[in-house]
Amino acid sequence: MWNNLPVVMNMNRVRKVRLQKGLTQHDLAELAGVQQKEISLIENDLKPDFTLKVAKRIANALGETVDYLWPDKWPD
C-alpha cells in the first residue's frame, strides 16, 4: 500500500497545476487531446497504466514536464 504513495501524491500535481492555471478537467482534456474522463481517472489515480504519450500530452498542455508531474513514473 505505501509503495503507491509517491505516485498518488504525484497524481495530485496534475490537479494542482491544472487548478493553478484556472483550467477545468474539460479544458485540460481539450488542450491535451484526450477525454475528460481520462483526466479524471489520472488525477484520482484510478488509471495508473496510462501511456507516456498521454502523459506528454497532458504535460505539454499544462506547460510542465512529464518528469515534474510524474517524477517516479517513468525511468530515464
C-alpha atoms as a PDB file:
ATOM      1  CA  MET A   1       0.000   0.000   0.000  1.00  0.00           C
ATOM      2  CA  TRP A   2       2.679   2.541   0.959  1.00  0.00           C
ATOM      3  CA  ASN A   3       4.615   1.795  -2.229  1.00  0.00           C
ATOM      4  CA  ASN A   4       1.914   3.622  -4.183  1.00  0.00           C
ATOM      5  CA  LEU A   5       2.039   6.761  -2.038  1.00  0.00           C
ATOM      6  CA  PRO A   6       4.558   8.736  -4.174  1.00  0.00           C
ATOM      7  CA  VAL A   7       2.537   8.045  -7.309  1.00  0.00           C
ATOM      8  CA  VAL A   8      -0.689   9.127  -5.627  1.00  0.00           C
ATOM      9  CA  MET A   9       0.972  12.318  -4.399  1.00  0.00           C
ATOM     10  CA  ASN A  10       2.351  12.986  -7.878  1.00  0.00           C
ATOM     11  CA  MET A  11      -1.049  12.497  -9.461  1.00  0.00           C
ATOM     12  CA  ASN A  12      -2.170  15.433  -7.385  1.00  0.00           C
ATOM     13  CA  ARG A  13       0.433  17.568  -9.166  1.00  0.00           C
ATOM     14  CA  VAL A  14      -1.656  17.366 -12.311  1.00  0.00           C
ATOM     15  CA  ARG A  15      -4.705  18.607 -10.428  1.00  0.00           C
ATOM     16  CA  LYS A  16      -2.678  21.250  -8.579  1.00  0.00           C
ATOM     17  CA  VAL A  17      -1.161  22.707 -11.761  1.00  0.00           C
ATOM     18  CA  ARG A  18      -4.475  22.487 -13.617  1.00  0.00           C
ATOM     19  CA  LEU A  19      -6.235  24.424 -10.873  1.00  0.00           C
ATOM     20  CA  GLN A  20      -3.408  26.970 -10.605  1.00  0.00           C
ATOM     21  CA  LYS A  21      -3.894  27.665 -14.299  1.00  0.00           C
ATOM     22  CA  GLY A  22      -7.647  28.029 -13.832  1.00  0.00           C
ATOM     23  CA  LEU A  23      -8.455  25.061 -16.056  1.00  0.00           C
ATOM     24  CA  THR A  24     -11.287  22.600 -15.703  1.00  0.00           C
ATOM     25  CA  GLN A  25     -10.756  18.936 -16.462  1.00  0.00           C
ATOM     26  CA  HIS A  26     -12.683  19.544 -19.665  1.00  0.00           C
ATOM     27  CA  ASP A  27     -10.354  22.426 -20.621  1.00  0.00           C
ATOM     28  CA  LEU A  28      -7.269  20.314 -19.982  1.00  0.00           C
ATOM     29  CA  ALA A  29      -8.716  17.382 -21.898  1.00  0.00           C
ATOM     30  CA  GLU A  30      -9.335  19.585 -24.943  1.00  0.00           C
ATOM     31  CA  LEU A  31      -5.846  21.093 -24.764  1.00  0.00           C
ATOM     32  CA  ALA A  32      -4.246  17.668 -24.382  1.00  0.00           C
ATOM     33  CA  GLY A  33      -6.424  15.907 -26.941  1.00  0.00           C
ATOM     34  CA  VAL A  34      -7.711  13.296 -24.513  1.00  0.00           C
ATOM     35  CA  GLN A  35     -11.102  12.596 -22.962  1.00  0.00           C
ATOM     36  CA  GLN A  36     -12.147  14.407 -19.783  1.00  0.00           C
ATOM     37  CA  LYS A  37     -12.813  11.041 -18.171  1.00  0.00           C
ATOM     38  CA  GLU A  38      -9.161  10.114 -18.681  1.00  0.00           C
ATOM     39  CA  ILE A  39      -8.019  13.310 -16.934  1.00  0.00           C
ATOM     40  CA  SER A  40     -10.315  12.493 -14.019  1.00  0.00           C
ATOM     41  CA  LEU A  41      -9.067   8.915 -13.771  1.00  0.00           C
ATOM     42  CA  ILE A  42      -5.421  10.014 -13.885  1.00  0.00           C
ATOM     43  CA  GLU A  43      -5.906  12.756 -11.306  1.00  0.00           C
ATOM     44  CA  ASN A  44      -7.598  10.308  -8.952  1.00  0.00           C
ATOM     45  CA  ASP A  45      -5.012   7.541  -9.518  1.00  0.00           C
ATOM     46  CA  LEU A  46      -7.651   5.257 -10.976  1.00  0.00           C
ATOM     47  CA  LYS A  47      -5.716   4.762 -14.205  1.00  0.00           C
ATOM     48  CA  PRO A  48      -2.109   4.009 -13.263  1.00  0.00           C
ATOM     49  CA  ASP A  49      -1.388   2.351 -16.623  1.00  0.00           C
ATOM     50  CA  PHE A  50      -1.777   5.408 -18.868  1.00  0.00           C
ATOM     51  CA  THR A  51       0.843   5.780 -21.586  1.00  0.00           C
ATOM     52  CA  LEU A  52       3.840   8.060 -21.806  1.00  0.00           C
ATOM     53  CA  LYS A  53       2.231   9.560 -24.915  1.00  0.00           C
ATOM     54  CA  VAL A  54      -0.798  10.647 -22.873  1.00  0.00           C
ATOM     55  CA  ALA A  55       1.470  11.935 -20.100  1.00  0.00           C
ATOM     56  CA  LYS A  56       3.385  14.056 -22.625  1.00  0.00           C
ATOM     57  CA  ARG A  57       0.149  15.498 -23.993  1.00  0.00           C
ATOM     58  CA  ILE A  58      -1.024  16.449 -20.517  1.00  0.00           C
ATOM     59  CA  ALA A  59       2.361  17.868 -19.534  1.00  0.00           C
ATOM     60  CA  ASN A  60       2.571  19.942 -22.717  1.00  0.00           C
ATOM     61  CA  ALA A  61      -0.961  21.260 -22.226  1.00  0.00           C
ATOM     62  CA  LEU A  62      -0.035  22.338 -18.694  1.00  0.00           C
ATOM     63  CA  GLY A  63       3.328  23.787 -19.714  1.00  0.00           C
ATOM     64  CA  GLU A  64       5.171  21.341 -17.471  1.00  0.00           C
ATOM     65  CA  THR A  65       7.450  18.369 -17.978  1.00  0.00           C
ATOM     66  CA  VAL A  66       6.493  14.744 -17.548  1.00  0.00           C
ATOM     67  CA  ASP A  67       9.312  14.449 -15.002  1.00  0.00           C
ATOM     68  CA  TYR A  68       7.807  17.220 -12.885  1.00  0.00           C
ATOM     69  CA  LEU A  69       4.282  15.824 -12.960  1.00  0.00           C
ATOM     70  CA  TRP A  70       5.326  12.185 -12.501  1.00  0.00           C
ATOM     71  CA  PRO A  71       8.940  12.079 -11.210  1.00  0.00           C
ATOM     72  CA  ASP A  72       8.829   8.380 -10.306  1.00  0.00           C
ATOM     73  CA  LYS A  73       6.584   7.037 -13.073  1.00  0.00           C
ATOM     74  CA  TRP A  74       8.979   6.536 -15.990  1.00  0.00           C
ATOM     75  CA  PRO A  75      12.684   5.777 -15.566  1.00  0.00           C
ATOM     76  CA  ASP A  76      15.155   7.738 -17.651  1.00  0.00           C
END
